């Protein structure tokens, strides 16, 4: 059924209106969570100009659970999540998230998807972001809008690349600073072009994390020292900051996210690294501030009416979320909820 719908360029709403059934029913049928009634099956077949057997009979090419992977999986079997992005249902292999361990939607084994989830792909928002506090936002979106949020830990540039490919709904960026106030906007234009929106979340402090036992008391002293540095991958805001400090010195130790940097220093795998203040203080480390960065969420303007994006905007603008952000070390929720168009 999904293949017939996409061949005609129809949305699930379009098909629901033509067939006289609910959009939720269309979604549930397409992902094998609902067996259509005889009346619904006949109506759908009439809309497509085919037989019921063509849509639902044995030998049908339509296999609703055979959702395409967002990217290649590392191994099988694996647990997965599913989300509707850009009119198609994508599957994501389960990985660590900013909100901890999330309930999976099913298990992929022997080439087939075994979906058992109670979550609907149309109510799942996929965000790529390195914000260590993203779990707070995910909880607020769920509370206010009834939508599940999956936060995939990705650097700013990597998140934008996924958004450009239509693999996530939202990308988190923190490439704007006082010296480069248009850094986020410029990155969006470079990767995607126009037709995007930037939702302001906060200004946060990025700086150098040091062992609590370190006697170094300034950023300049750390840079001049023989400290072993741990970096983030190229394309991240933290790596941009570190490259400015070390003049693009080659570094072999690389952490996946802000908490990874802090953990590397805490475990004495490195002497210093750049991360946000929150991750540093969580690990019980010294923090030497380098700069403030503007953290924004980017999404396509055409998706503003999607219930998940509406829930996201409502959550960012809520008094409870702003209060929580303001109580975090290094976060300043000024202009929280402001929307900027990238044309």
Protein backbone atom coordinates (compact mmCIF):
# COMPACT_ATOMS: atom_id res chain seq x y z
CA UNK A 1 0.00 0.00 0.00
CA UNK A 2 2.80 2.37 0.86
CA UNK A 3 4.44 1.80 -2.52
CA UNK A 4 1.16 2.58 -4.32
CA UNK A 5 0.79 5.77 -2.28
CA UNK A 6 4.33 6.99 -2.88
CA UNK A 7 4.11 6.24 -6.62
CA UNK A 8 1.28 8.79 -6.77
CA UNK A 9 3.11 11.31 -4.62
CA UNK A 10 0.38 11.26 -1.95
CA UNK A 11 0.87 11.94 1.72
CA UNK A 12 -0.82 9.74 4.30
CA UNK A 13 -3.36 12.55 4.80
CA UNK A 14 -4.12 12.52 1.04
CA UNK A 15 -4.76 8.79 1.04
CA UNK A 16 -6.84 8.95 4.22
CA UNK A 17 -9.11 11.62 2.74
CA UNK A 18 -9.56 9.70 -0.52
CA UNK A 19 -10.31 6.41 1.22
CA UNK A 20 -12.50 7.82 3.97
CA UNK A 21 -10.38 6.45 6.82
CA UNK A 22 -8.19 8.16 9.42
CA UNK A 23 -4.59 9.14 8.78
CA UNK A 24 -3.61 7.15 11.87
CA UNK A 25 -5.21 4.06 10.31
CA UNK A 26 -3.21 4.57 7.10
CA UNK A 27 0.00 4.80 9.13
CA UNK A 28 -0.81 1.74 11.22
CA UNK A 29 -1.69 -0.34 8.15
CA UNK A 30 1.54 0.64 6.39
CA UNK A 31 3.71 -0.50 9.28
CA UNK A 32 1.70 -3.70 9.90
CA UNK A 33 0.19 -2.61 13.20
CA UNK A 34 -3.38 -2.76 11.95
CA UNK A 35 -5.22 -5.23 9.75
CA UNK A 36 -7.76 -3.20 7.73
CA UNK A 37 -11.42 -4.05 7.91
CA UNK A 38 -13.09 -5.44 4.79
CA UNK A 39 -14.71 -2.06 4.13
CA UNK A 40 -11.40 -0.19 4.52
CA UNK A 41 -9.54 -2.69 2.31
CA UNK A 42 -12.18 -2.35 -0.45
CA UNK A 43 -12.08 1.45 -0.21
CA UNK A 44 -8.27 1.53 -0.43
CA UNK A 45 -8.25 -0.83 -3.41
CA UNK A 46 -10.82 1.35 -5.18
CA UNK A 47 -8.74 4.47 -4.58
CA UNK A 48 -5.66 2.82 -6.11
CA UNK A 49 -7.61 1.16 -8.92
CA UNK A 50 -6.39 -2.31 -8.01
CA UNK A 51 -7.63 -5.41 -6.22
CA UNK A 52 -7.50 -6.06 -2.50
CA UNK A 53 -5.14 -8.95 -3.23
CA UNK A 54 -2.73 -6.55 -4.93
CA UNK A 55 -2.51 -4.56 -1.70
CA UNK A 56 -2.78 -7.19 1.01
CA UNK A 57 -2.76 -10.65 -0.55
CA UNK A 58 0.03 -13.20 -0.57
CA UNK A 59 2.80 -12.36 -2.99
CA UNK A 60 2.19 -8.63 -2.64
CA UNK A 61 5.30 -6.52 -3.04
CA UNK A 62 4.14 -4.37 -0.15
CA UNK A 63 5.91 -5.36 3.06
CA UNK A 64 5.19 -2.58 5.55
CA UNK A 65 7.82 -3.65 8.10
CA UNK A 66 10.59 -3.60 5.50
CA UNK A 67 11.53 -0.03 6.38
CA UNK A 68 14.76 1.23 4.84
CA UNK A 69 17.70 1.78 7.17
CA UNK A 70 18.73 5.39 7.70
CA UNK A 71 22.32 4.15 7.27
CA UNK A 72 24.15 0.84 7.12
CA UNK A 73 23.92 -1.23 10.28
CA UNK A 74 27.09 -2.60 11.90
CA UNK A 75 25.79 -6.03 12.81
CA UNK A 76 22.81 -8.33 12.91
CA UNK A 77 20.72 -9.02 14.92
CA UNK A 78 20.18 -5.53 16.27
CA UNK A 79 17.53 -3.52 18.03
CA UNK A 80 16.05 -0.58 16.16
CA UNK A 81 13.83 2.48 16.34
CA UNK A 82 11.51 3.66 13.58
CA UNK A 83 10.48 7.20 12.64
CA UNK A 84 8.59 8.79 9.77
CA UNK A 85 10.90 11.31 8.08
CA UNK A 86 10.07 13.06 4.84
CA UNK A 87 7.14 10.79 3.99
CA UNK A 88 8.94 7.49 4.60
CA UNK A 89 9.51 5.28 7.62
CA UNK A 90 13.21 4.90 8.44
CA UNK A 91 14.84 2.45 10.82
CA UNK A 92 17.74 3.39 13.12
CA UNK A 93 19.97 0.90 14.87
CA UNK A 94 19.82 1.52 18.63
CA UNK A 95 22.78 3.50 20.01
CA UNK A 96 23.53 5.51 23.16
CA UNK A 97 21.47 8.71 23.36
CA UNK A 98 21.54 11.89 25.42
CA UNK A 99 18.46 10.61 27.22
CA UNK A 100 20.03 7.27 28.13
CA UNK A 101 18.59 3.89 27.13
CA UNK A 102 15.34 4.24 25.19
CA UNK A 103 12.78 1.53 24.54
CA UNK A 104 13.41 -0.02 21.13
CA UNK A 105 10.71 -0.64 18.52
CA UNK A 106 11.79 -4.12 17.54
CA UNK A 107 14.59 -6.48 16.59
CA UNK A 108 16.04 -6.93 13.10
CA UNK A 109 17.13 -10.53 12.56
CA UNK A 110 17.51 -12.86 9.60
CA UNK A 111 16.73 -10.03 7.21
CA UNK A 112 13.36 -9.12 8.71
CA UNK A 113 11.98 -6.44 11.03
CA UNK A 114 10.10 -7.73 14.06
CA UNK A 115 8.24 -4.68 15.29
CA UNK A 116 6.66 -4.84 18.73
CA UNK A 117 6.69 -1.17 19.73
CA UNK A 118 3.86 0.88 21.17
CA UNK A 119 5.32 4.03 19.55
CA UNK A 120 4.13 5.38 16.21
CA UNK A 121 6.77 6.52 13.67
CA UNK A 122 4.66 9.63 12.97
CA UNK A 123 5.02 10.66 16.61
CA UNK A 124 8.77 10.08 16.81
CA UNK A 125 11.15 13.02 16.36
CA UNK A 126 14.79 12.27 15.49
CA UNK A 127 17.30 14.90 16.55
CA UNK A 128 21.04 14.87 15.89
CA UNK A 129 22.79 16.94 18.56
CA UNK A 130 25.71 16.92 20.97
CA UNK A 131 23.87 18.85 23.68
CA UNK A 132 24.49 16.88 26.91
CA UNK A 133 21.22 18.31 28.30
CA UNK A 134 19.09 17.23 25.32
CA UNK A 135 17.35 14.66 27.50
CA UNK A 136 15.61 17.49 29.35
CA UNK A 137 14.20 18.81 26.08
CA UNK A 138 13.14 15.31 24.99
CA UNK A 139 11.19 14.87 28.22
CA UNK A 140 9.47 18.25 27.79
CA UNK A 141 8.48 17.50 24.17
CA UNK A 142 6.97 14.22 25.32
CA UNK A 143 5.14 15.88 28.20
CA UNK A 144 3.67 18.74 26.15
CA UNK A 145 3.18 17.10 22.76
CA UNK A 146 3.04 13.37 23.39
CA UNK A 147 5.94 12.81 20.97
CA UNK A 148 8.95 10.59 21.52
CA UNK A 149 12.34 12.21 20.86
CA UNK A 150 15.41 10.18 19.90
CA UNK A 151 18.58 12.25 20.37
CA UNK A 152 21.47 10.86 18.33
CA UNK A 153 24.84 12.23 19.53
CA UNK A 154 26.38 13.99 16.51
CA UNK A 155 28.63 17.00 15.97
CA UNK A 156 27.19 20.20 14.48
CA UNK A 157 28.41 19.54 10.94
CA UNK A 158 27.52 15.85 11.07
CA UNK A 159 24.03 16.72 12.30
CA UNK A 160 23.58 19.17 9.43
CA UNK A 161 24.73 16.55 6.93
CA UNK A 162 22.06 14.14 8.20
CA UNK A 163 19.40 16.85 7.96
CA UNK A 164 20.48 17.67 4.41
CA UNK A 165 20.02 14.00 3.45
CA UNK A 166 16.56 13.87 5.01
CA UNK A 167 17.58 11.34 7.66
CA UNK A 168 16.70 13.38 10.77
CA UNK A 169 14.14 16.05 11.60
CA UNK A 170 16.36 18.40 13.61
CA UNK A 171 20.07 19.25 13.80
CA UNK A 172 21.68 20.91 16.83
CA UNK A 173 24.36 23.54 16.10
CA UNK A 174 26.73 25.61 18.23
CA UNK A 175 29.05 27.23 15.68
CA UNK A 176 28.04 30.85 16.44
CA UNK A 177 30.23 32.83 18.83
CA UNK A 178 30.74 36.51 19.70
CA UNK A 179 33.53 36.61 17.10
CA UNK A 180 31.43 34.74 14.53
CA UNK A 181 27.78 35.57 15.30
CA UNK A 182 26.50 34.11 12.01
CA UNK A 183 28.36 30.80 12.30
CA UNK A 184 25.24 28.64 12.59
CA UNK A 185 23.45 30.38 9.74
CA UNK A 186 26.52 30.17 7.50
CA UNK A 187 26.89 26.45 8.19
CA UNK A 188 23.23 25.85 7.26
CA UNK A 189 23.58 27.81 4.02
CA UNK A 190 26.75 25.89 3.15
CA UNK A 191 25.27 22.44 3.81
CA UNK A 192 21.61 22.86 2.88
CA UNK A 193 21.02 26.28 1.36
CA UNK A 194 17.81 28.15 2.11
CA UNK A 195 14.44 27.02 3.41
CA UNK A 196 15.47 26.27 6.99
CA UNK A 197 14.66 27.68 10.42
CA UNK A 198 16.91 28.10 13.45
CA UNK A 199 15.25 27.79 16.84
CA UNK A 200 17.29 29.49 19.56
CA UNK A 201 17.80 27.39 22.68
CA UNK A 202 20.59 28.92 24.76
CA UNK A 203 24.05 30.39 25.01
CA UNK A 204 26.47 28.04 26.71
CA UNK A 205 30.07 28.15 27.91
CA UNK A 206 32.71 26.15 26.08
CA UNK A 207 36.12 25.80 27.65
CA UNK A 208 39.00 23.65 28.80
CA UNK A 209 38.41 20.73 31.17
CA UNK A 210 41.32 19.90 33.51
CA UNK A 211 41.89 17.44 36.31
CA UNK A 212 40.86 18.78 39.71
CA UNK A 213 44.47 18.19 40.77
CA UNK A 214 45.99 20.31 37.98
CA UNK A 215 47.94 23.39 39.07
CA UNK A 216 47.33 25.19 35.78
CA UNK A 217 45.05 28.17 36.30
CA UNK A 218 44.68 29.80 32.86
CA UNK A 219 43.91 28.72 29.30
CA UNK A 220 47.20 30.23 28.12
CA UNK A 221 49.13 28.19 30.69
CA UNK A 222 47.48 24.98 29.52
CA UNK A 223 48.21 25.77 25.86
CA UNK A 224 51.89 26.44 26.67
CA UNK A 225 52.20 23.27 28.72
CA UNK A 226 52.94 19.76 27.53
CA UNK A 227 49.41 18.64 28.31
CA UNK A 228 47.99 15.62 26.52
CA UNK A 229 44.89 16.85 24.74
CA UNK A 230 41.74 14.94 23.84
CA UNK A 231 39.83 16.39 20.89
CA UNK A 232 36.43 16.11 19.28
CA UNK A 233 36.01 15.17 15.63
CA UNK A 234 36.40 17.82 12.90
CA UNK A 235 33.11 19.63 12.29
CA UNK A 236 32.19 19.92 15.95
CA UNK A 237 31.99 23.23 17.79
CA UNK A 238 34.38 21.93 20.44
CA UNK A 239 36.96 21.00 17.79
CA UNK A 240 36.58 24.43 16.22
CA UNK A 241 37.33 25.99 19.60
CA UNK A 242 40.30 23.68 20.23
CA UNK A 243 41.78 24.33 16.78
CA UNK A 244 41.71 28.06 17.50
CA UNK A 245 43.59 27.45 20.75
CA UNK A 246 46.18 25.01 19.38
CA UNK A 247 46.40 26.41 15.84
CA UNK A 248 45.20 23.16 14.25
CA UNK A 249 47.76 20.96 15.97
CA UNK A 250 47.35 17.29 15.05
CA UNK A 251 45.78 15.27 17.83
CA UNK A 252 45.38 11.51 18.09
CA UNK A 253 42.98 11.22 21.02
CA UNK A 254 39.39 11.83 19.90
CA UNK A 255 36.21 11.60 22.01
CA UNK A 256 32.70 11.16 20.67
CA UNK A 257 30.95 13.92 22.62
CA UNK A 258 31.30 16.46 25.43
CA UNK A 259 30.91 13.86 28.16
CA UNK A 260 33.48 11.69 26.37
CA UNK A 261 36.01 14.54 26.58
CA UNK A 262 35.33 15.03 30.28
CA UNK A 263 35.53 11.30 30.96
CA UNK A 264 38.88 11.04 29.15
CA UNK A 265 40.33 13.73 31.43
CA UNK A 266 38.71 12.28 34.55
CA UNK A 267 40.19 8.84 33.83
CA UNK A 268 43.65 10.34 33.11
CA UNK A 269 43.57 9.25 29.46
CA UNK A 270 44.24 12.91 28.68
CA UNK A 271 45.24 16.01 30.64
CA UNK A 272 42.97 18.52 28.93
CA UNK A 273 40.12 18.80 26.45
CA UNK A 274 37.47 21.24 25.25
CA UNK A 275 33.83 20.67 26.23
CA UNK A 276 30.84 22.53 27.64
CA UNK A 277 30.87 23.50 31.31
CA UNK A 278 28.01 21.14 32.17
CA UNK A 279 29.94 18.02 31.13
CA UNK A 280 33.05 19.26 32.90
CA UNK A 281 31.34 19.93 36.22
CA UNK A 282 29.42 16.65 36.06
CA UNK A 283 32.79 14.88 35.98
CA UNK A 284 34.15 16.89 38.91
CA UNK A 285 36.82 18.66 36.83
CA UNK A 286 38.24 22.18 36.69
CA UNK A 287 36.76 24.39 33.97
CA UNK A 288 38.52 27.29 32.27
CA UNK A 289 36.07 29.22 30.11
CA UNK A 290 37.13 30.09 26.56
CA UNK A 291 33.99 31.45 24.91
CA UNK A 292 30.21 31.52 24.80
CA UNK A 293 28.46 29.78 21.91
CA UNK A 294 24.92 30.07 20.59
CA UNK A 295 23.14 26.72 20.55
CA UNK A 296 20.28 26.48 18.04
CA UNK A 297 18.13 23.75 16.53
CA UNK A 298 17.78 23.66 12.75
CA UNK A 299 14.82 22.17 10.86
CA UNK A 300 13.34 22.60 7.41
CA UNK A 301 10.81 25.43 7.15
CA UNK A 302 8.37 23.20 5.27
CA UNK A 303 8.05 21.03 8.40
CA UNK A 304 6.88 23.80 10.73
CA UNK A 305 3.33 22.45 10.81
CA UNK A 306 4.44 18.91 11.65
CA UNK A 307 3.05 18.12 15.09
CA UNK A 308 6.51 17.03 16.26
CA UNK A 309 8.13 20.33 15.28
CA UNK A 310 5.25 22.24 16.87
CA UNK A 311 5.79 20.22 20.06
CA UNK A 312 9.51 20.99 19.90
CA UNK A 313 8.89 24.75 19.62
CA UNK A 314 6.35 24.66 22.45
CA UNK A 315 8.79 22.77 24.66
CA UNK A 316 11.69 25.17 24.03
CA UNK A 317 9.42 28.12 24.80
CA UNK A 318 7.90 26.61 27.93
CA UNK A 319 8.64 28.24 31.29
CA UNK A 320 9.54 24.90 32.85
CA UNK A 321 12.22 24.12 30.25
CA UNK A 322 13.71 27.62 30.44
CA UNK A 323 13.89 27.31 34.22
CA UNK A 324 15.70 23.96 33.97
CA UNK A 325 18.20 25.34 31.45
CA UNK A 326 18.87 28.37 33.62
CA UNK A 327 19.79 26.11 36.52
CA UNK A 328 22.39 24.16 34.52
CA UNK A 329 26.08 25.14 34.84
CA UNK A 330 27.12 27.26 31.86
CA UNK A 331 23.69 27.57 30.18
CA UNK A 332 22.03 30.93 29.62
CA UNK A 333 18.51 30.61 28.11
CA UNK A 334 18.33 34.20 26.82
CA UNK A 335 16.23 34.54 23.63
CA UNK A 336 15.09 30.94 24.21
CA UNK A 337 12.45 30.07 21.60
CA UNK A 338 13.26 32.84 19.10
CA UNK A 339 12.97 31.67 15.50
CA UNK A 340 15.27 32.76 12.66
CA UNK A 341 14.72 32.00 8.97
CA UNK A 342 17.65 30.98 6.76
CA UNK A 343 16.93 32.34 3.28
